Amino acid sequence: MNVILNTDEVHAVLTLVTAHVLDHVELSDEAKKQIRAWRRERDLSTVGLDEFTETMNEAIGNFIDQRTTRFLRKRGKIRVSASTEREA
């Protein structure tokens, strides 16, 4: 599976997650200020958002690859034992 998010989609996720954290997590005023500043650095049409989009897509791809590899290994073991039984 290949999942690639564009900058608008990543910005939507970033905005939703940071808004949820700001609204539902008990944080100091300074921590909230830093989160807002971090989010502003990754606003639409910024280099920060472009870099964050690339990082997020890479992380999603790695997660999917790790899950897929484990699944294939499990299936591979089943196939190996099945082919061994057929050959025997």
Protein backbone atom coordinates (compact mmCIF):
# COMPACT_ATOMS: atom_id res chain seq x y z
CA MET A 1 0.00 0.00 0.00
CA ASN A 2 1.26 3.45 -0.84
CA VAL A 3 -0.08 6.44 1.11
CA ILE A 4 1.14 9.94 0.33
CA LEU A 5 -0.48 12.98 1.92
CA ASN A 6 -0.28 16.41 0.32
CA THR A 7 0.53 19.55 2.30
CA ASP A 8 -3.14 20.48 2.77
CA GLU A 9 -3.92 17.07 4.27
CA VAL A 10 -0.89 17.18 6.57
CA HIS A 11 -1.81 20.71 7.64
CA ALA A 12 -5.33 19.54 8.51
CA VAL A 13 -3.95 16.70 10.65
CA LEU A 14 -1.41 19.00 12.30
CA THR A 15 -4.10 21.58 13.08
CA LEU A 16 -6.53 19.03 14.50
CA VAL A 17 -3.94 17.32 16.69
CA THR A 18 -2.45 20.52 18.08
CA ALA A 19 -5.92 21.99 18.71
CA HIS A 20 -6.93 18.82 20.57
CA VAL A 21 -3.77 18.95 22.68
CA LEU A 22 -4.25 22.64 23.46
CA ASP A 23 -7.91 22.11 24.40
CA HIS A 24 -7.71 18.85 26.33
CA VAL A 25 -4.27 18.62 27.93
CA GLU A 26 -3.33 20.53 31.05
CA LEU A 27 -0.34 22.61 29.97
CA SER A 28 1.43 25.69 31.23
CA ASP A 29 0.92 28.94 29.35
CA GLU A 30 4.52 28.70 28.14
CA ALA A 31 3.97 25.19 26.75
CA LYS A 32 0.83 26.36 24.92
CA LYS A 33 2.76 29.30 23.54
CA GLN A 34 5.51 26.97 22.23
CA ILE A 35 2.97 24.63 20.60
CA ARG A 36 1.29 27.56 18.87
CA ALA A 37 4.67 28.86 17.68
CA TRP A 38 5.60 25.40 16.38
CA ARG A 39 2.27 25.18 14.55
CA ARG A 40 2.74 28.68 13.02
CA GLU A 41 6.16 27.63 11.67
CA ARG A 42 4.29 24.89 9.77
CA ASP A 43 1.44 27.02 8.46
CA LEU A 44 0.18 26.76 4.87
CA SER A 45 2.66 27.81 2.19
CA THR A 46 5.71 27.61 4.46
CA VAL A 47 8.92 25.68 4.06
CA GLY A 48 8.28 24.24 7.52
CA LEU A 49 5.06 22.61 6.33
CA ASP A 50 6.79 21.22 3.23
CA GLU A 51 9.49 19.65 5.41
CA PHE A 52 6.93 18.36 7.92
CA THR A 53 4.87 16.83 5.08
CA GLU A 54 7.93 14.96 3.84
CA THR A 55 8.75 13.74 7.35
CA MET A 56 5.18 12.64 8.01
CA ASN A 57 4.90 10.78 4.69
CA GLU A 58 8.18 9.01 5.41
CA ALA A 59 6.96 8.01 8.88
CA ILE A 60 3.65 6.70 7.51
CA GLY A 61 5.48 4.78 4.77
CA ASN A 62 7.89 3.25 7.29
CA PHE A 63 5.01 2.23 9.55
CA ILE A 64 3.19 0.55 6.67
CA ASP A 65 6.40 -1.16 5.49
CA GLN A 66 7.07 -2.52 8.98
CA ARG A 67 3.57 -3.93 9.25
CA THR A 68 3.70 -5.37 5.74
CA THR A 69 7.11 -6.98 6.30
CA ARG A 70 5.91 -8.72 9.44
CA PHE A 71 2.83 -9.96 7.65
CA LEU A 72 4.83 -11.22 4.70
CA ARG A 73 7.26 -13.02 6.98
CA LYS A 74 4.38 -14.81 8.64
CA ARG A 75 2.91 -15.75 5.27
CA GLY A 76 6.37 -16.69 4.05
CA LYS A 77 6.80 -19.16 6.90
CA ILE A 78 3.45 -20.72 6.08
CA ARG A 79 4.38 -20.99 2.41
CA VAL A 80 7.77 -22.49 3.20
CA SER A 81 6.25 -25.20 5.40
CA ALA A 82 3.52 -25.84 2.80
CA SER A 83 6.03 -26.12 -0.05
CA THR A 84 8.23 -28.37 2.10
CA GLU A 85 5.26 -30.66 2.72
CA ARG A 86 4.50 -30.76 -1.00
CA GLU A 87 8.10 -31.62 -1.84
CA ALA A 88 8.25 -34.38 0.77
